PDB file of N, CA and C in Angstrom:
ATOM      1  N   MET A   1     -31.568 -10.664 -29.513  1.00  0.00           N
ATOM      2  CA  MET A   1     -29.869 -11.249 -29.544  1.00  0.00           C
ATOM      3  C   MET A   1     -29.498 -10.531 -30.197  1.00  0.00           C
ATOM      4  N   GLU A   2     -27.677  -9.594 -29.892  1.00  0.00           N
ATOM      5  CA  GLU A   2     -27.415  -8.568 -31.259  1.00  0.00           C
ATOM      6  C   GLU A   2     -26.524  -9.199 -32.248  1.00  0.00           C
ATOM      7  N   GLN A   3     -26.832  -8.932 -33.527  1.00  0.00           N
ATOM      8  CA  GLN A   3     -26.018  -9.770 -34.336  1.00  0.00           C
ATOM      9  C   GLN A   3     -24.747  -9.183 -34.304  1.00  0.00           C
ATOM     10  N   VAL A   4     -23.488 -10.448 -34.196  1.00  0.00           N
ATOM     11  CA  VAL A   4     -22.374  -9.869 -34.434  1.00  0.00           C
ATOM     12  C   VAL A   4     -21.599  -9.980 -35.755  1.00  0.00           C
ATOM     13  N   LEU A   5     -21.010  -8.951 -36.623  1.00  0.00           N
ATOM     14  CA  LEU A   5     -20.907  -9.096 -38.173  1.00  0.00           C
ATOM     15  C   LEU A   5     -19.275  -9.406 -37.396  1.00  0.00           C
ATOM     16  N   PRO A   6     -18.853  -9.932 -38.929  1.00  0.00           N
ATOM     17  CA  PRO A   6     -17.753 -11.149 -38.757  1.00  0.00           C
ATOM     18  C   PRO A   6     -16.687  -9.572 -39.443  1.00  0.00           C
ATOM     19  N   GLN A   7     -15.612  -9.242 -38.753  1.00  0.00           N
ATOM     20  CA  GLN A   7     -14.435  -8.549 -38.914  1.00  0.00           C
ATOM     21  C   GLN A   7     -13.384  -7.942 -40.266  1.00  0.00           C
ATOM     22  N   THR A   8     -13.255  -7.261 -40.866  1.00  0.00           N
ATOM     23  CA  THR A   8     -12.360  -7.695 -41.855  1.00  0.00           C
ATOM     24  C   THR A   8     -11.123  -7.854 -41.642  1.00  0.00           C
ATOM     25  N   TYR A   9      -9.884  -8.646 -42.129  1.00  0.00           N
ATOM     26  CA  TYR A   9      -8.748  -8.575 -41.357  1.00  0.00           C
ATOM     27  C   TYR A   9      -8.014  -7.548 -41.206  1.00  0.00           C
ATOM     28  N   GLU A  10      -8.284  -6.741 -41.841  1.00  0.00           N
ATOM     29  CA  GLU A  10      -7.471  -5.292 -41.364  1.00  0.00           C
ATOM     30  C   GLU A  10      -7.894  -5.047 -39.791  1.00  0.00           C
ATOM     31  N   ALA A  11      -9.287  -5.024 -39.657  1.00  0.00           N
ATOM     32  CA  ALA A  11      -9.461  -4.233 -38.079  1.00  0.00           C
ATOM     33  C   ALA A  11      -8.998  -6.120 -37.282  1.00  0.00           C
ATOM     34  N   GLU A  12      -9.144  -7.196 -37.918  1.00  0.00           N
ATOM     35  CA  GLU A  12      -8.750  -8.544 -37.053  1.00  0.00           C
ATOM     36  C   GLU A  12      -7.038  -8.598 -36.726  1.00  0.00           C
ATOM     37  N   LEU A  13      -6.064  -7.434 -37.411  1.00  0.00           N
ATOM     38  CA  LEU A  13      -5.151  -7.778 -37.668  1.00  0.00           C
ATOM     39  C   LEU A  13      -4.879  -6.286 -36.192  1.00  0.00           C
ATOM     40  N   VAL A  14      -5.418  -5.098 -36.108  1.00  0.00           N
ATOM     41  CA  VAL A  14      -4.888  -3.901 -35.343  1.00  0.00           C
ATOM     42  C   VAL A  14      -5.444  -4.573 -34.164  1.00  0.00           C
ATOM     43  N   GLU A  15      -6.718  -5.679 -33.649  1.00  0.00           N
ATOM     44  CA  GLU A  15      -6.562  -6.685 -32.437  1.00  0.00           C
ATOM     45  C   GLU A  15      -5.629  -6.729 -32.215  1.00  0.00           C
ATOM     46  N   ASP A  16      -5.370  -7.967 -33.239  1.00  0.00           N
ATOM     47  CA  ASP A  16      -4.270  -8.793 -32.814  1.00  0.00           C
ATOM     48  C   ASP A  16      -2.851  -8.122 -32.419  1.00  0.00           C
ATOM     49  N   ILE A  17      -2.339  -7.000 -32.851  1.00  0.00           N
ATOM     50  CA  ILE A  17      -1.069  -6.428 -32.902  1.00  0.00           C
ATOM     51  C   ILE A  17      -2.123  -5.504 -31.355  1.00  0.00           C
ATOM     52  N   LEU A  18      -3.022  -4.845 -30.760  1.00  0.00           N
ATOM     53  CA  LEU A  18      -2.559  -3.926 -30.151  1.00  0.00           C
ATOM     54  C   LEU A  18      -2.432  -5.353 -29.279  1.00  0.00           C
ATOM     55  N   SER A  19      -3.128  -6.421 -29.003  1.00  0.00           N
ATOM     56  CA  SER A  19      -3.084  -6.823 -27.642  1.00  0.00           C
ATOM     57  C   SER A  19      -1.821  -7.732 -27.378  1.00  0.00           C
ATOM     58  N   LEU A  20      -0.539  -8.359 -28.796  1.00  0.00           N
ATOM     59  CA  LEU A  20       0.551  -7.697 -28.256  1.00  0.00           C
ATOM     60  C   LEU A  20       1.436  -7.632 -27.905  1.00  0.00           C
ATOM     61  N   MET A  21       0.858  -5.936 -27.742  1.00  0.00           N
ATOM     62  CA  MET A  21       1.538  -4.484 -27.456  1.00  0.00           C
ATOM     63  C   MET A  21       1.334  -4.710 -26.115  1.00  0.00           C
ATOM     64  N   ALA A  22      -0.105  -4.607 -25.974  1.00  0.00           N
ATOM     65  CA  ALA A  22       0.114  -4.278 -24.370  1.00  0.00           C
ATOM     66  C   ALA A  22      -0.091  -5.960 -23.369  1.00  0.00           C
ATOM     67  N   SER A  23       0.469  -6.811 -24.024  1.00  0.00           N
ATOM     68  CA  SER A  23       0.503  -8.059 -23.573  1.00  0.00           C
ATOM     69  C   SER A  23       2.436  -7.673 -23.142  1.00  0.00           C
ATOM     70  N   PHE A  24       3.397  -7.538 -24.134  1.00  0.00           N
ATOM     71  CA  PHE A  24       4.529  -6.598 -24.301  1.00  0.00           C
ATOM     72  C   PHE A  24       4.447  -6.134 -22.849  1.00  0.00           C
ATOM     73  N   SER A  25       3.700  -4.759 -22.865  1.00  0.00           N
ATOM     74  CA  SER A  25       4.070  -3.588 -22.331  1.00  0.00           C
ATOM     75  C   SER A  25       4.195  -3.883 -20.670  1.00  0.00           C
ATOM     76  N   ALA A  26       2.908  -4.927 -20.655  1.00  0.00           N
ATOM     77  CA  ALA A  26       3.202  -5.578 -19.007  1.00  0.00           C
ATOM     78  C   ALA A  26       3.987  -6.359 -19.271  1.00  0.00           C
ATOM     79  N   LYS A  27       4.689  -6.988 -19.378  1.00  0.00           N
ATOM     80  CA  LYS A  27       5.937  -7.785 -19.215  1.00  0.00           C
ATOM     81  C   LYS A  27       6.575  -6.704 -18.649  1.00  0.00           C
ATOM     82  N   ILE A  28       7.024  -5.740 -20.146  1.00  0.00           N
ATOM     83  CA  ILE A  28       8.529  -5.145 -19.354  1.00  0.00           C
ATOM     84  C   ILE A  28       7.998  -4.542 -17.869  1.00  0.00           C
ATOM     85  N   TYR A  29       6.950  -3.790 -18.324  1.00  0.00           N
ATOM     86  CA  TYR A  29       6.923  -2.937 -16.312  1.00  0.00           C
ATOM     87  C   TYR A  29       6.617  -3.787 -15.188  1.00  0.00           C
ATOM     88  N   GLY A  30       6.268  -4.649 -15.551  1.00  0.00           N
ATOM     89  CA  GLY A  30       6.212  -6.133 -14.580  1.00  0.00           C
ATOM     90  C   GLY A  30       7.846  -6.376 -14.030  1.00  0.00           C
ATOM     91  N   LYS A  31       9.053  -6.425 -14.962  1.00  0.00           N
ATOM     92  CA  LYS A  31       9.765  -6.627 -15.179  1.00  0.00           C
ATOM     93  C   LYS A  31      11.313  -5.106 -13.958  1.00  0.00           C
ATOM     94  N   ARG A  32      10.383  -4.379 -14.622  1.00  0.00           N
ATOM     95  CA  ARG A  32      11.087  -2.963 -13.763  1.00  0.00           C
ATOM     96  C   ARG A  32      10.542  -2.683 -12.716  1.00  0.00           C
ATOM     97  N   ALA A  33       9.494  -2.910 -12.086  1.00  0.00           N
ATOM     98  CA  ALA A  33       8.721  -3.164 -11.117  1.00  0.00           C
ATOM     99  C   ALA A  33       9.471  -3.880 -10.051  1.00  0.00           C
ATOM    100  N   ALA A  34       9.645  -5.100 -11.037  1.00  0.00           N
ATOM    101  CA  ALA A  34      10.088  -6.014  -9.760  1.00  0.00           C
ATOM    102  C   ALA A  34      11.794  -5.627  -9.500  1.00  0.00           C
ATOM    103  N   GLU A  35      12.580  -5.224 -10.584  1.00  0.00           N
ATOM    104  CA  GLU A  35      13.468  -4.653 -10.829  1.00  0.00           C
ATOM    105  C   GLU A  35      13.575  -3.863  -9.308  1.00  0.00           C
ATOM    106  N   ASN A  36      13.112  -2.990  -9.308  1.00  0.00           N
ATOM    107  CA  ASN A  36      12.868  -1.326  -8.650  1.00  0.00           C
ATOM    108  C   ASN A  36      12.451  -2.339  -7.136  1.00  0.00           C
ATOM    109  N   ARG A  37      11.706  -3.378  -6.789  1.00  0.00           N
ATOM    110  CA  ARG A  37      11.437  -3.803  -5.724  1.00  0.00           C
ATOM    111  C   ARG A  37      12.220  -4.290  -5.006  1.00  0.00           C
ATOM    112  N   ARG A  38      13.097  -5.226  -5.896  1.00  0.00           N
ATOM    113  CA  ARG A  38      13.942  -5.257  -5.507  1.00  0.00           C
ATOM    114  C   ARG A  38      15.812  -4.200  -5.247  1.00  0.00           C
ATOM    115  N   LYS A  39      15.574  -3.520  -5.790  1.00  0.00           N
ATOM    116  CA  LYS A  39      16.745  -2.195  -5.021  1.00  0.00           C
ATOM    117  C   LYS A  39      16.504  -1.584  -4.055  1.00  0.00           C
ATOM    118  N   ASN A  40      15.128  -1.339  -3.982  1.00  0.00           N
ATOM    119  CA  ASN A  40      14.575  -0.966  -2.564  1.00  0.00           C
ATOM    120  C   ASN A  40      14.987  -1.132  -1.353  1.00  0.00           C
ATOM    121  N   SER A  41      14.477  -2.588  -1.559  1.00  0.00           N
ATOM    122  CA  SER A  41      14.620  -3.704  -0.401  1.00  0.00           C
ATOM    123  C   SER A  41      16.313  -4.109  -0.306  1.00  0.00           C
ATOM    124  N   HIS A  42      16.868  -3.518  -1.113  1.00  0.00           N
ATOM    125  CA  HIS A  42      18.415  -3.632  -0.635  1.00  0.00           C
ATOM    126  C   HIS A  42      18.617  -2.671  -0.597  1.00  0.00           C
ATOM    127  N   LEU A  43      18.493  -1.265  -0.953  1.00  0.00           N
ATOM    128  CA  LEU A  43      18.833  -0.141  -0.131  1.00  0.00           C
ATOM    129  C   LEU A  43      17.674   0.244   1.487  1.00  0.00           C
ATOM    130  N   ARG A  44      16.574  -0.666   1.320  1.00  0.00           N
ATOM    131  CA  ARG A  44      16.392  -0.893   2.897  1.00  0.00           C
ATOM    132  C   ARG A  44      17.360  -0.870   4.230  1.00  0.00           C
ATOM    133  N   VAL A  45      17.960  -2.644   3.657  1.00  0.00           N
ATOM    134  CA  VAL A  45      19.003  -3.412   4.109  1.00  0.00           C
ATOM    135  C   VAL A  45      19.708  -2.667   4.271  1.00  0.00           C
ATOM    136  N   VAL A  46      20.419  -1.912   3.867  1.00  0.00           N
ATOM    137  CA  VAL A  46      22.073  -0.718   3.439  1.00  0.00           C
ATOM    138  C   VAL A  46      21.629  -0.221   4.334  1.00  0.00           C
ATOM    139  N   GLY A  47      20.318   1.140   4.325  1.00  0.00           N
ATOM    140  CA  GLY A  47      20.085   2.169   4.798  1.00  0.00           C
ATOM    141  C   GLY A  47      20.003   2.133   5.944  1.00  0.00           C
ATOM    142  N   GLY A  48      19.470   0.972   6.560  1.00  0.00           N
ATOM    143  CA  GLY A  48      18.814   0.770   7.772  1.00  0.00           C
ATOM    144  C   GLY A  48      17.385   1.033   8.463  1.00  0.00           C
ATOM    145  N   ASP A  49      17.214   1.429   6.996  1.00  0.00           N
ATOM    146  CA  ASP A  49      15.488   1.797   7.297  1.00  0.00           C
ATOM    147  C   ASP A  49      14.568   1.173   7.450  1.00  0.00           C
ATOM    148  N   SER A  50      14.179   1.081   8.680  1.00  0.00           N
ATOM    149  CA  SER A  50      12.768   0.188   8.496  1.00  0.00           C
ATOM    150  C   SER A  50      11.175   0.254   8.266  1.00  0.00           C
ATOM    151  N   LYS A  51      11.400   1.129   7.139  1.00  0.00           N
ATOM    152  CA  LYS A  51       9.791   0.980   6.338  1.00  0.00           C
ATOM    153  C   LYS A  51       9.664  -0.590   6.017  1.00  0.00           C
TER     154      LYS A  51
END
């Protein structure tokens, strides 16, 4: 079995901050993608594109 060493508080803080950044980035990119999908579907309806 592999022994796990305890992390320093700095390493734990860095890990926590990176996970928060990843979470917020995913939220922002998800909102942007949803907005783009909404805009594109509106353009298809208005423009008559059958894609």
